[in-house]
Amino acid sequence: MSGNRSAGLLLFRRTSGELEVLLGHMGGPFWARRDEAAWSVIKGEHQADEEPLAAARREFQEELGVPPPEVPHTALVDLGSVRQSGGKTVAVWAVEADLDPSSIVPGTFELEWPRGSGRLQRFPEIDRVAWFRLDTAATKIVKGQAAFLGRLRDRVDTP
């Protein structure tokens, strides 16, 4: 089953000694008016036979329309995985890199909207991305992914 596994990349940078992470606001009508707990690591689903890190890189490109940062494998910070409340297991790697949020060209998905109308509409998978300090990110990120922020803080030295 592909719907039970996701993999993603969590970009981070240091600004004035503070760690910041890049999160994506989930697109589509359900998330349009939500802000708290409506942001996510840039991630996506993969098949059991697909290597999770390869899937994370592919999904980064698909969701943001820009290639993932090219860094040596040794520069990746493995943040492990979490099982979200819906049963999906998400594996994440952190990458220290900068990205201009205005450079993204989000991928899209189709959804019948309004529900039951018979009309398919296109929505961005991620409607915007932004950098957040870890304390702010903790209120923005979907609850099932919050553990990644603490793991990042624990595994990355701040100057």
C-alpha atoms as a PDB file:
ATOM      1  CA  MET A   1       0.000   0.000   0.000  1.00  0.00           C
ATOM      2  CA  SER A   2       1.504   3.318  -1.040  1.00  0.00           C
ATOM      3  CA  GLY A   3      -0.720   5.474   1.165  1.00  0.00           C
ATOM      4  CA  ASN A   4       0.935   4.340   4.373  1.00  0.00           C
ATOM      5  CA  ARG A   5       4.467   5.619   3.738  1.00  0.00           C
ATOM      6  CA  SER A   6       5.783   9.110   3.121  1.00  0.00           C
ATOM      7  CA  ALA A   7       9.269  10.557   3.015  1.00  0.00           C
ATOM      8  CA  GLY A   8      10.416  14.141   3.096  1.00  0.00           C
ATOM      9  CA  LEU A   9      13.158  16.708   3.353  1.00  0.00           C
ATOM     10  CA  LEU A  10      13.185  19.345   6.078  1.00  0.00           C
ATOM     11  CA  LEU A  11      15.363  22.277   5.041  1.00  0.00           C
ATOM     12  CA  PHE A  12      16.937  24.229   7.866  1.00  0.00           C
ATOM     13  CA  ARG A  13      19.153  27.270   8.125  1.00  0.00           C
ATOM     14  CA  ARG A  14      20.710  29.360  10.874  1.00  0.00           C
ATOM     15  CA  THR A  15      19.722  33.003  11.121  1.00  0.00           C
ATOM     16  CA  SER A  16      21.312  35.104  13.872  1.00  0.00           C
ATOM     17  CA  GLY A  17      22.092  31.936  15.811  1.00  0.00           C
ATOM     18  CA  GLU A  18      18.516  30.627  15.553  1.00  0.00           C
ATOM     19  CA  LEU A  19      17.491  27.498  13.695  1.00  0.00           C
ATOM     20  CA  GLU A  20      14.782  28.035  11.098  1.00  0.00           C
ATOM     21  CA  VAL A  21      12.928  25.394   9.104  1.00  0.00           C
ATOM     22  CA  LEU A  22      11.150  25.571   5.768  1.00  0.00           C
ATOM     23  CA  LEU A  23       7.556  24.323   5.933  1.00  0.00           C
ATOM     24  CA  GLY A  24       4.873  24.104   3.279  1.00  0.00           C
ATOM     25  CA  HIS A  25       1.250  25.154   3.843  1.00  0.00           C
ATOM     26  CA  MET A  26      -0.992  22.363   2.613  1.00  0.00           C
ATOM     27  CA  GLY A  27      -3.042  23.293  -0.431  1.00  0.00           C
ATOM     28  CA  GLY A  28      -6.670  22.652  -1.235  1.00  0.00           C
ATOM     29  CA  PRO A  29      -9.963  23.839   0.187  1.00  0.00           C
ATOM     30  CA  PHE A  30      -9.741  21.988   3.516  1.00  0.00           C
ATOM     31  CA  TRP A  31      -6.588  23.868   4.556  1.00  0.00           C
ATOM     32  CA  ALA A  32      -7.310  27.245   2.907  1.00  0.00           C
ATOM     33  CA  ARG A  33      -8.428  29.065   6.075  1.00  0.00           C
ATOM     34  CA  ARG A  34      -6.220  27.195   8.524  1.00  0.00           C
ATOM     35  CA  ASP A  35      -2.804  28.287   9.714  1.00  0.00           C
ATOM     36  CA  GLU A  36      -2.009  26.543  12.997  1.00  0.00           C
ATOM     37  CA  ALA A  37      -1.246  22.837  12.487  1.00  0.00           C
ATOM     38  CA  ALA A  38      -1.694  23.272   8.709  1.00  0.00           C
ATOM     39  CA  TRP A  39       1.966  23.333   7.643  1.00  0.00           C
ATOM     40  CA  SER A  40       4.056  20.294   6.775  1.00  0.00           C
ATOM     41  CA  VAL A  41       7.498  18.984   6.020  1.00  0.00           C
ATOM     42  CA  ILE A  42       7.869  18.838   2.216  1.00  0.00           C
ATOM     43  CA  LYS A  43       7.041  15.168   1.718  1.00  0.00           C
ATOM     44  CA  GLY A  44       5.007  12.680  -0.223  1.00  0.00           C
ATOM     45  CA  GLU A  45       3.946   9.082  -0.530  1.00  0.00           C
ATOM     46  CA  HIS A  46       6.098   6.274  -1.844  1.00  0.00           C
ATOM     47  CA  GLN A  47       5.827   2.575  -2.605  1.00  0.00           C
ATOM     48  CA  ALA A  48       7.332  -0.045  -0.298  1.00  0.00           C
ATOM     49  CA  ASP A  49       9.941  -0.900  -2.944  1.00  0.00           C
ATOM     50  CA  GLU A  50      11.102   2.715  -3.406  1.00  0.00           C
ATOM     51  CA  GLU A  51      14.044   3.855  -1.309  1.00  0.00           C
ATOM     52  CA  PRO A  52      12.635   6.491   1.105  1.00  0.00           C
ATOM     53  CA  LEU A  53      15.417   9.054   0.589  1.00  0.00           C
ATOM     54  CA  ALA A  54      14.990   8.827  -3.192  1.00  0.00           C
ATOM     55  CA  ALA A  55      11.245   9.352  -2.672  1.00  0.00           C
ATOM     56  CA  ALA A  56      11.932  12.366  -0.424  1.00  0.00           C
ATOM     57  CA  ARG A  57      14.048  13.975  -3.145  1.00  0.00           C
ATOM     58  CA  ARG A  58      11.470  13.199  -5.858  1.00  0.00           C
ATOM     59  CA  GLU A  59       8.601  14.569  -3.781  1.00  0.00           C
ATOM     60  CA  PHE A  60      10.534  17.756  -3.002  1.00  0.00           C
ATOM     61  CA  GLN A  61      10.874  18.390  -6.744  1.00  0.00           C
ATOM     62  CA  GLU A  62       7.211  17.484  -7.445  1.00  0.00           C
ATOM     63  CA  GLU A  63       5.733  19.538  -4.613  1.00  0.00           C
ATOM     64  CA  LEU A  64       7.874  22.670  -4.958  1.00  0.00           C
ATOM     65  CA  GLY A  65       8.867  22.594  -8.622  1.00  0.00           C
ATOM     66  CA  VAL A  66      12.522  23.167  -7.752  1.00  0.00           C
ATOM     67  CA  PRO A  67      15.242  20.544  -7.324  1.00  0.00           C
ATOM     68  CA  PRO A  68      16.214  19.466  -3.820  1.00  0.00           C
ATOM     69  CA  PRO A  69      19.519  20.832  -2.513  1.00  0.00           C
ATOM     70  CA  GLU A  70      22.538  18.873  -3.744  1.00  0.00           C
ATOM     71  CA  VAL A  71      24.443  17.887  -0.626  1.00  0.00           C
ATOM     72  CA  PRO A  72      26.697  14.933   0.146  1.00  0.00           C
ATOM     73  CA  HIS A  73      24.932  12.011   1.796  1.00  0.00           C
ATOM     74  CA  THR A  74      26.996  12.667   4.933  1.00  0.00           C
ATOM     75  CA  ALA A  75      25.405  16.142   5.222  1.00  0.00           C
ATOM     76  CA  LEU A  76      21.914  14.680   5.615  1.00  0.00           C
ATOM     77  CA  VAL A  77      20.558  14.524   9.152  1.00  0.00           C
ATOM     78  CA  ASP A  78      18.362  11.435   9.528  1.00  0.00           C
ATOM     79  CA  LEU A  79      15.451  12.490  11.740  1.00  0.00           C
ATOM     80  CA  GLY A  80      13.946   9.003  11.735  1.00  0.00           C
ATOM     81  CA  SER A  81      10.253   8.409  11.277  1.00  0.00           C
ATOM     82  CA  VAL A  82       6.965   9.019  13.063  1.00  0.00           C
ATOM     83  CA  ARG A  83       3.614   7.358  12.767  1.00  0.00           C
ATOM     84  CA  GLN A  84       0.904   9.983  12.322  1.00  0.00           C
ATOM     85  CA  SER A  85      -2.582   9.613  13.810  1.00  0.00           C
ATOM     86  CA  GLY A  86      -4.017   8.496  10.450  1.00  0.00           C
ATOM     87  CA  GLY A  87      -1.589   5.568  10.408  1.00  0.00           C
ATOM     88  CA  LYS A  88       0.873   6.961   7.868  1.00  0.00           C
ATOM     89  CA  THR A  89       4.579   6.525   8.652  1.00  0.00           C
ATOM     90  CA  VAL A  90       6.671   9.542   7.671  1.00  0.00           C
ATOM     91  CA  ALA A  91      10.490   9.405   7.361  1.00  0.00           C
ATOM     92  CA  VAL A  92      12.378  12.713   7.232  1.00  0.00           C
ATOM     93  CA  TRP A  93      15.921  13.902   6.532  1.00  0.00           C
ATOM     94  CA  ALA A  94      17.058  17.399   7.426  1.00  0.00           C
ATOM     95  CA  VAL A  95      19.275  19.346   5.028  1.00  0.00           C
ATOM     96  CA  GLU A  96      21.028  22.615   5.807  1.00  0.00           C
ATOM     97  CA  ALA A  97      20.271  24.794   2.798  1.00  0.00           C
ATOM     98  CA  ASP A  98      18.591  28.042   1.878  1.00  0.00           C
ATOM     99  CA  LEU A  99      15.672  28.403  -0.505  1.00  0.00           C
ATOM    100  CA  ASP A 100      13.828  31.497  -1.641  1.00  0.00           C
ATOM    101  CA  PRO A 101      10.116  30.810  -1.018  1.00  0.00           C
ATOM    102  CA  SER A 102       9.215  32.932  -4.063  1.00  0.00           C
ATOM    103  CA  SER A 103      11.032  30.452  -6.319  1.00  0.00           C
ATOM    104  CA  ILE A 104       8.562  27.598  -5.850  1.00  0.00           C
ATOM    105  CA  VAL A 105       6.214  26.408  -8.584  1.00  0.00           C
ATOM    106  CA  PRO A 106       3.929  24.008  -6.712  1.00  0.00           C
ATOM    107  CA  GLY A 107       2.637  20.759  -8.112  1.00  0.00           C
ATOM    108  CA  THR A 108      -1.144  20.328  -8.276  1.00  0.00           C
ATOM    109  CA  PHE A 109      -3.805  17.720  -7.622  1.00  0.00           C
ATOM    110  CA  GLU A 110      -7.420  17.365  -8.745  1.00  0.00           C
ATOM    111  CA  LEU A 111     -10.324  17.154  -6.346  1.00  0.00           C
ATOM    112  CA  GLU A 112     -14.079  17.148  -6.748  1.00  0.00           C
ATOM    113  CA  TRP A 113     -15.024  20.530  -5.260  1.00  0.00           C
ATOM    114  CA  PRO A 114     -17.448  21.384  -3.885  1.00  0.00           C
ATOM    115  CA  ARG A 115     -17.876  17.798  -2.731  1.00  0.00           C
ATOM    116  CA  GLY A 116     -20.716  16.090  -4.582  1.00  0.00           C
ATOM    117  CA  SER A 117     -20.767  18.737  -7.345  1.00  0.00           C
ATOM    118  CA  GLY A 118     -19.260  16.479 -10.003  1.00  0.00           C
ATOM    119  CA  ARG A 119     -16.772  19.282 -10.847  1.00  0.00           C
ATOM    120  CA  LEU A 120     -13.059  18.567 -10.681  1.00  0.00           C
ATOM    121  CA  GLN A 121     -10.868  21.486  -9.675  1.00  0.00           C
ATOM    122  CA  ARG A 122      -7.087  21.794  -9.551  1.00  0.00           C
ATOM    123  CA  PHE A 123      -5.389  22.853  -6.312  1.00  0.00           C
ATOM    124  CA  PRO A 124      -1.712  23.309  -5.417  1.00  0.00           C
ATOM    125  CA  GLU A 125      -0.266  20.527  -3.267  1.00  0.00           C
ATOM    126  CA  ILE A 126       1.546  23.210  -1.261  1.00  0.00           C
ATOM    127  CA  ASP A 127       0.079  26.700  -1.659  1.00  0.00           C
ATOM    128  CA  ARG A 128       3.024  28.516  -0.052  1.00  0.00           C
ATOM    129  CA  VAL A 129       6.249  27.888   1.826  1.00  0.00           C
ATOM    130  CA  ALA A 130       7.856  29.923   4.577  1.00  0.00           C
ATOM    131  CA  TRP A 131      10.753  29.885   7.002  1.00  0.00           C
ATOM    132  CA  PHE A 132       9.919  29.626  10.707  1.00  0.00           C
ATOM    133  CA  ARG A 133      11.978  29.666  13.882  1.00  0.00           C
ATOM    134  CA  LEU A 134      11.580  26.357  15.705  1.00  0.00           C
ATOM    135  CA  ASP A 135       9.308  27.788  18.415  1.00  0.00           C
ATOM    136  CA  THR A 136       6.919  29.218  15.812  1.00  0.00           C
ATOM    137  CA  ALA A 137       7.192  26.117  13.633  1.00  0.00           C
ATOM    138  CA  ALA A 138       5.959  24.043  16.580  1.00  0.00           C
ATOM    139  CA  THR A 139       2.567  25.795  16.385  1.00  0.00           C
ATOM    140  CA  LYS A 140       2.417  25.755  12.559  1.00  0.00           C
ATOM    141  CA  ILE A 141       3.362  22.143  11.802  1.00  0.00           C
ATOM    142  CA  VAL A 142       0.771  19.354  11.766  1.00  0.00           C
ATOM    143  CA  LYS A 143       0.834  17.688  15.179  1.00  0.00           C
ATOM    144  CA  GLY A 144       1.980  14.317  13.849  1.00  0.00           C
ATOM    145  CA  GLN A 145       5.219  15.860  12.547  1.00  0.00           C
ATOM    146  CA  ALA A 146       6.138  18.017  15.555  1.00  0.00           C
ATOM    147  CA  ALA A 147       8.600  15.381  16.827  1.00  0.00           C
ATOM    148  CA  PHE A 148      10.887  16.162  13.880  1.00  0.00           C
ATOM    149  CA  LEU A 149      11.466  19.695  15.190  1.00  0.00           C
ATOM    150  CA  GLY A 150      12.709  18.435  18.559  1.00  0.00           C
ATOM    151  CA  ARG A 151      14.897  15.840  16.874  1.00  0.00           C
ATOM    152  CA  LEU A 152      16.399  18.530  14.651  1.00  0.00           C
ATOM    153  CA  ARG A 153      17.131  20.736  17.661  1.00  0.00           C
ATOM    154  CA  ASP A 154      18.779  17.791  19.449  1.00  0.00           C
ATOM    155  CA  ARG A 155      20.942  16.744  16.479  1.00  0.00           C
ATOM    156  CA  VAL A 156      22.117  20.059  15.042  1.00  0.00           C
ATOM    157  CA  ASP A 157      24.597  22.367  16.721  1.00  0.00           C
ATOM    158  CA  THR A 158      23.639  26.024  16.878  1.00  0.00           C
ATOM    159  CA  PRO A 159      26.485  28.547  16.915  1.00  0.00           C
END
